[in-house]
Amino acid sequence: MYSQFNQILNIGLMHYLVLALILFLIGLCGVLISRNLLRIVMSLFIMTVAIVINFLAFGCYCDSSLDNANITCIFALLVSVIQTIIALVILYKIYQANEYLDSEKIKDKEK
Protein backbone atom coordinates (compact mmCIF):
# COMPACT_ATOMS: atom_id res chain seq x y z
CA MET A 1 0.00 0.00 0.00
CA TYR A 2 2.79 2.40 0.90
CA SER A 3 4.68 1.67 -2.33
CA GLN A 4 1.60 2.52 -4.44
CA PHE A 5 1.17 5.79 -2.57
CA ASN A 6 4.87 6.56 -3.02
CA GLN A 7 4.58 5.94 -6.77
CA ILE A 8 1.67 8.36 -7.02
CA LEU A 9 3.66 11.11 -5.29
CA ASN A 10 6.77 10.48 -7.37
CA ILE A 11 6.71 13.36 -9.82
CA GLY A 12 8.68 12.69 -12.99
CA LEU A 13 9.53 14.44 -16.22
CA MET A 14 6.19 13.61 -17.83
CA HIS A 15 4.24 15.46 -15.13
CA TYR A 16 6.19 18.66 -15.80
CA LEU A 17 5.81 18.29 -19.54
CA VAL A 18 2.04 17.81 -19.25
CA LEU A 19 1.79 20.86 -16.98
CA ALA A 20 3.84 22.92 -19.45
CA LEU A 21 1.71 21.69 -22.36
CA ILE A 22 -1.51 22.64 -20.58
CA LEU A 23 -0.16 26.11 -19.73
CA PHE A 24 1.11 26.61 -23.27
CA LEU A 25 -2.25 25.61 -24.77
CA ILE A 26 -4.11 27.95 -22.40
CA GLY A 27 -1.81 30.78 -23.44
CA LEU A 28 -2.16 29.92 -27.12
CA CYS A 29 -5.96 29.90 -26.86
CA GLY A 30 -5.80 33.27 -25.12
CA VAL A 31 -3.67 34.73 -27.91
CA LEU A 32 -5.82 33.32 -30.70
CA ILE A 33 -9.25 34.04 -29.21
CA SER A 34 -8.86 37.31 -27.34
CA ARG A 35 -9.16 40.70 -28.99
CA ASN A 36 -8.08 42.65 -25.91
CA LEU A 37 -4.39 43.51 -26.16
CA LEU A 38 -3.86 43.22 -22.40
CA ARG A 39 -5.19 39.66 -22.40
CA ILE A 40 -2.93 38.82 -25.32
CA VAL A 41 0.14 40.06 -23.43
CA MET A 42 -0.84 38.06 -20.35
CA SER A 43 -1.40 34.97 -22.51
CA LEU A 44 2.06 35.40 -23.98
CA PHE A 45 3.47 35.55 -20.46
CA ILE A 46 1.68 32.30 -19.58
CA MET A 47 3.23 30.71 -22.67
CA THR A 48 6.65 31.93 -21.57
CA VAL A 49 6.17 30.39 -18.12
CA ALA A 50 5.35 27.09 -19.82
CA ILE A 51 8.59 27.29 -21.78
CA VAL A 52 10.53 28.00 -18.58
CA ILE A 53 8.96 24.93 -16.95
CA ASN A 54 10.15 22.90 -19.95
CA PHE A 55 13.66 24.31 -19.57
CA LEU A 56 13.70 23.41 -15.90
CA ALA A 57 12.28 19.93 -16.42
CA PHE A 58 14.72 18.99 -19.17
CA GLY A 59 17.61 20.63 -17.35
CA CYS A 60 16.90 18.57 -14.26
CA TYR A 61 16.29 15.41 -16.28
CA CYS A 62 19.42 15.64 -18.42
CA ASP A 63 21.74 17.03 -15.75
CA SER A 64 21.10 15.69 -12.26
CA SER A 65 22.05 18.99 -10.66
CA LEU A 66 19.71 21.94 -10.80
CA ASP A 67 22.43 24.60 -11.05
CA ASN A 68 22.46 25.07 -14.82
CA ALA A 69 18.71 24.66 -15.15
CA ASN A 70 17.99 27.20 -12.41
CA ILE A 71 20.32 29.80 -13.89
CA THR A 72 18.78 29.34 -17.34
CA CYS A 73 15.23 29.58 -15.97
CA ILE A 74 15.97 32.67 -13.88
CA PHE A 75 17.50 34.35 -16.92
CA ALA A 76 14.52 33.40 -19.11
CA LEU A 77 12.04 34.64 -16.49
CA LEU A 78 13.89 37.94 -16.11
CA VAL A 79 13.84 38.50 -19.87
CA SER A 80 10.15 37.58 -19.93
CA VAL A 81 9.27 39.97 -17.11
CA ILE A 82 11.17 42.82 -18.78
CA GLN A 83 9.41 42.04 -22.06
CA THR A 84 6.02 42.08 -20.33
CA ILE A 85 6.76 45.38 -18.59
CA ILE A 86 7.71 46.99 -21.89
CA ALA A 87 4.56 45.62 -23.52
CA LEU A 88 2.41 46.96 -20.68
CA VAL A 89 3.96 50.42 -21.03
CA ILE A 90 3.23 50.37 -24.76
CA LEU A 91 -0.35 49.24 -24.07
CA TYR A 92 -0.75 52.06 -21.57
CA LYS A 93 0.30 54.56 -24.20
CA ILE A 94 -2.13 53.00 -26.69
CA TYR A 95 -4.91 53.22 -24.10
CA GLN A 96 -4.12 56.88 -23.44
CA ALA A 97 -4.39 57.63 -27.16
CA ASN A 98 -7.47 55.53 -27.98
CA GLU A 99 -9.37 54.97 -24.69
CA TYR A 100 -9.67 51.23 -25.48
CA LEU A 101 -7.47 48.18 -26.03
CA ASP A 102 -9.60 46.27 -28.53
CA SER A 103 -7.42 45.22 -31.46
CA GLU A 104 -10.31 45.27 -33.95
CA LYS A 105 -11.24 48.86 -33.04
CA ILE A 106 -7.62 49.94 -33.33
CA LYS A 107 -7.39 48.37 -36.82
CA ASP A 108 -10.62 50.06 -37.90
CA LYS A 109 -9.44 53.44 -36.58
CA GLU A 110 -6.24 53.28 -38.63
CA LYS A 111 -8.21 52.92 -41.90
C-alpha atoms as a PDB file:
ATOM      1  CA  MET A   1       0.000   0.000   0.000  1.00  0.00           C
ATOM      2  CA  TYR A   2       2.790   2.402   0.903  1.00  0.00           C
ATOM      3  CA  SER A   3       4.676   1.673  -2.333  1.00  0.00           C
ATOM      4  CA  GLN A   4       1.602   2.520  -4.441  1.00  0.00           C
ATOM      5  CA  PHE A   5       1.167   5.791  -2.565  1.00  0.00           C
ATOM      6  CA  ASN A   6       4.865   6.558  -3.022  1.00  0.00           C
ATOM      7  CA  GLN A   7       4.584   5.939  -6.771  1.00  0.00           C
ATOM      8  CA  ILE A   8       1.667   8.362  -7.016  1.00  0.00           C
ATOM      9  CA  LEU A   9       3.656  11.113  -5.292  1.00  0.00           C
ATOM     10  CA  ASN A  10       6.773  10.481  -7.366  1.00  0.00           C
ATOM     11  CA  ILE A  11       6.711  13.363  -9.820  1.00  0.00           C
ATOM     12  CA  GLY A  12       8.676  12.690 -12.988  1.00  0.00           C
ATOM     13  CA  LEU A  13       9.530  14.436 -16.216  1.00  0.00           C
ATOM     14  CA  MET A  14       6.188  13.607 -17.831  1.00  0.00           C
ATOM     15  CA  HIS A  15       4.242  15.462 -15.128  1.00  0.00           C
ATOM     16  CA  TYR A  16       6.193  18.659 -15.796  1.00  0.00           C
ATOM     17  CA  LEU A  17       5.807  18.286 -19.541  1.00  0.00           C
ATOM     18  CA  VAL A  18       2.045  17.812 -19.253  1.00  0.00           C
ATOM     19  CA  LEU A  19       1.793  20.862 -16.985  1.00  0.00           C
ATOM     20  CA  ALA A  20       3.840  22.923 -19.449  1.00  0.00           C
ATOM     21  CA  LEU A  21       1.712  21.685 -22.356  1.00  0.00           C
ATOM     22  CA  ILE A  22      -1.514  22.642 -20.582  1.00  0.00           C
ATOM     23  CA  LEU A  23      -0.162  26.107 -19.732  1.00  0.00           C
ATOM     24  CA  PHE A  24       1.112  26.614 -23.266  1.00  0.00           C
ATOM     25  CA  LEU A  25      -2.252  25.612 -24.774  1.00  0.00           C
ATOM     26  CA  ILE A  26      -4.113  27.945 -22.399  1.00  0.00           C
ATOM     27  CA  GLY A  27      -1.814  30.781 -23.441  1.00  0.00           C
ATOM     28  CA  LEU A  28      -2.161  29.917 -27.123  1.00  0.00           C
ATOM     29  CA  CYS A  29      -5.963  29.900 -26.862  1.00  0.00           C
ATOM     30  CA  GLY A  30      -5.795  33.273 -25.123  1.00  0.00           C
ATOM     31  CA  VAL A  31      -3.669  34.727 -27.910  1.00  0.00           C
ATOM     32  CA  LEU A  32      -5.823  33.322 -30.702  1.00  0.00           C
ATOM     33  CA  ILE A  33      -9.247  34.042 -29.214  1.00  0.00           C
ATOM     34  CA  SER A  34      -8.861  37.311 -27.342  1.00  0.00           C
ATOM     35  CA  ARG A  35      -9.160  40.700 -28.990  1.00  0.00           C
ATOM     36  CA  ASN A  36      -8.079  42.646 -25.909  1.00  0.00           C
ATOM     37  CA  LEU A  37      -4.392  43.505 -26.157  1.00  0.00           C
ATOM     38  CA  LEU A  38      -3.855  43.220 -22.402  1.00  0.00           C
ATOM     39  CA  ARG A  39      -5.190  39.658 -22.397  1.00  0.00           C
ATOM     40  CA  ILE A  40      -2.931  38.819 -25.321  1.00  0.00           C
ATOM     41  CA  VAL A  41       0.138  40.065 -23.426  1.00  0.00           C
ATOM     42  CA  MET A  42      -0.841  38.061 -20.349  1.00  0.00           C
ATOM     43  CA  SER A  43      -1.402  34.971 -22.506  1.00  0.00           C
ATOM     44  CA  LEU A  44       2.057  35.400 -23.982  1.00  0.00           C
ATOM     45  CA  PHE A  45       3.471  35.554 -20.462  1.00  0.00           C
ATOM     46  CA  ILE A  46       1.677  32.297 -19.583  1.00  0.00           C
ATOM     47  CA  MET A  47       3.228  30.706 -22.671  1.00  0.00           C
ATOM     48  CA  THR A  48       6.647  31.934 -21.569  1.00  0.00           C
ATOM     49  CA  VAL A  49       6.169  30.391 -18.123  1.00  0.00           C
ATOM     50  CA  ALA A  50       5.345  27.092 -19.819  1.00  0.00           C
ATOM     51  CA  ILE A  51       8.589  27.292 -21.777  1.00  0.00           C
ATOM     52  CA  VAL A  52      10.526  27.998 -18.583  1.00  0.00           C
ATOM     53  CA  ILE A  53       8.957  24.933 -16.952  1.00  0.00           C
ATOM     54  CA  ASN A  54      10.149  22.896 -19.946  1.00  0.00           C
ATOM     55  CA  PHE A  55      13.663  24.307 -19.575  1.00  0.00           C
ATOM     56  CA  LEU A  56      13.699  23.414 -15.899  1.00  0.00           C
ATOM     57  CA  ALA A  57      12.283  19.928 -16.422  1.00  0.00           C
ATOM     58  CA  PHE A  58      14.717  18.986 -19.173  1.00  0.00           C
ATOM     59  CA  GLY A  59      17.607  20.626 -17.347  1.00  0.00           C
ATOM     60  CA  CYS A  60      16.899  18.567 -14.259  1.00  0.00           C
ATOM     61  CA  TYR A  61      16.292  15.411 -16.276  1.00  0.00           C
ATOM     62  CA  CYS A  62      19.423  15.639 -18.422  1.00  0.00           C
ATOM     63  CA  ASP A  63      21.736  17.031 -15.749  1.00  0.00           C
ATOM     64  CA  SER A  64      21.097  15.691 -12.256  1.00  0.00           C
ATOM     65  CA  SER A  65      22.054  18.993 -10.664  1.00  0.00           C
ATOM     66  CA  LEU A  66      19.707  21.939 -10.801  1.00  0.00           C
ATOM     67  CA  ASP A  67      22.430  24.599 -11.047  1.00  0.00           C
ATOM     68  CA  ASN A  68      22.456  25.074 -14.819  1.00  0.00           C
ATOM     69  CA  ALA A  69      18.705  24.660 -15.149  1.00  0.00           C
ATOM     70  CA  ASN A  70      17.994  27.204 -12.405  1.00  0.00           C
ATOM     71  CA  ILE A  71      20.316  29.803 -13.894  1.00  0.00           C
ATOM     72  CA  THR A  72      18.777  29.342 -17.339  1.00  0.00           C
ATOM     73  CA  CYS A  73      15.233  29.584 -15.971  1.00  0.00           C
ATOM     74  CA  ILE A  74      15.968  32.667 -13.882  1.00  0.00           C
ATOM     75  CA  PHE A  75      17.499  34.350 -16.918  1.00  0.00           C
ATOM     76  CA  ALA A  76      14.522  33.398 -19.108  1.00  0.00           C
ATOM     77  CA  LEU A  77      12.039  34.644 -16.494  1.00  0.00           C
ATOM     78  CA  LEU A  78      13.889  37.942 -16.112  1.00  0.00           C
ATOM     79  CA  VAL A  79      13.838  38.502 -19.866  1.00  0.00           C
ATOM     80  CA  SER A  80      10.152  37.583 -19.930  1.00  0.00           C
ATOM     81  CA  VAL A  81       9.272  39.967 -17.108  1.00  0.00           C
ATOM     82  CA  ILE A  82      11.165  42.816 -18.783  1.00  0.00           C
ATOM     83  CA  GLN A  83       9.406  42.039 -22.058  1.00  0.00           C
ATOM     84  CA  THR A  84       6.017  42.076 -20.330  1.00  0.00           C
ATOM     85  CA  ILE A  85       6.756  45.383 -18.590  1.00  0.00           C
ATOM     86  CA  ILE A  86       7.714  46.995 -21.893  1.00  0.00           C
ATOM     87  CA  ALA A  87       4.556  45.617 -23.524  1.00  0.00           C
ATOM     88  CA  LEU A  88       2.407  46.963 -20.683  1.00  0.00           C
ATOM     89  CA  VAL A  89       3.959  50.424 -21.026  1.00  0.00           C
ATOM     90  CA  ILE A  90       3.234  50.369 -24.756  1.00  0.00           C
ATOM     91  CA  LEU A  91      -0.347  49.235 -24.068  1.00  0.00           C
ATOM     92  CA  TYR A  92      -0.754  52.061 -21.566  1.00  0.00           C
ATOM     93  CA  LYS A  93       0.298  54.564 -24.204  1.00  0.00           C
ATOM     94  CA  ILE A  94      -2.134  53.003 -26.688  1.00  0.00           C
ATOM     95  CA  TYR A  95      -4.911  53.224 -24.096  1.00  0.00           C
ATOM     96  CA  GLN A  96      -4.125  56.884 -23.445  1.00  0.00           C
ATOM     97  CA  ALA A  97      -4.390  57.631 -27.162  1.00  0.00           C
ATOM     98  CA  ASN A  98      -7.473  55.533 -27.975  1.00  0.00           C
ATOM     99  CA  GLU A  99      -9.368  54.966 -24.686  1.00  0.00           C
ATOM    100  CA  TYR A 100      -9.674  51.234 -25.481  1.00  0.00           C
ATOM    101  CA  LEU A 101      -7.467  48.182 -26.026  1.00  0.00           C
ATOM    102  CA  ASP A 102      -9.602  46.270 -28.528  1.00  0.00           C
ATOM    103  CA  SER A 103      -7.420  45.222 -31.455  1.00  0.00           C
ATOM    104  CA  GLU A 104     -10.314  45.273 -33.954  1.00  0.00           C
ATOM    105  CA  LYS A 105     -11.238  48.858 -33.045  1.00  0.00           C
ATOM    106  CA  ILE A 106      -7.622  49.941 -33.335  1.00  0.00           C
ATOM    107  CA  LYS A 107      -7.392  48.368 -36.815  1.00  0.00           C
ATOM    108  CA  ASP A 108     -10.617  50.062 -37.905  1.00  0.00           C
ATOM    109  CA  LYS A 109      -9.440  53.439 -36.577  1.00  0.00           C
ATOM    110  CA  GLU A 110      -6.238  53.284 -38.632  1.00  0.00           C
ATOM    111  CA  LYS A 111      -8.211  52.916 -41.900  1.00  0.00           C
END
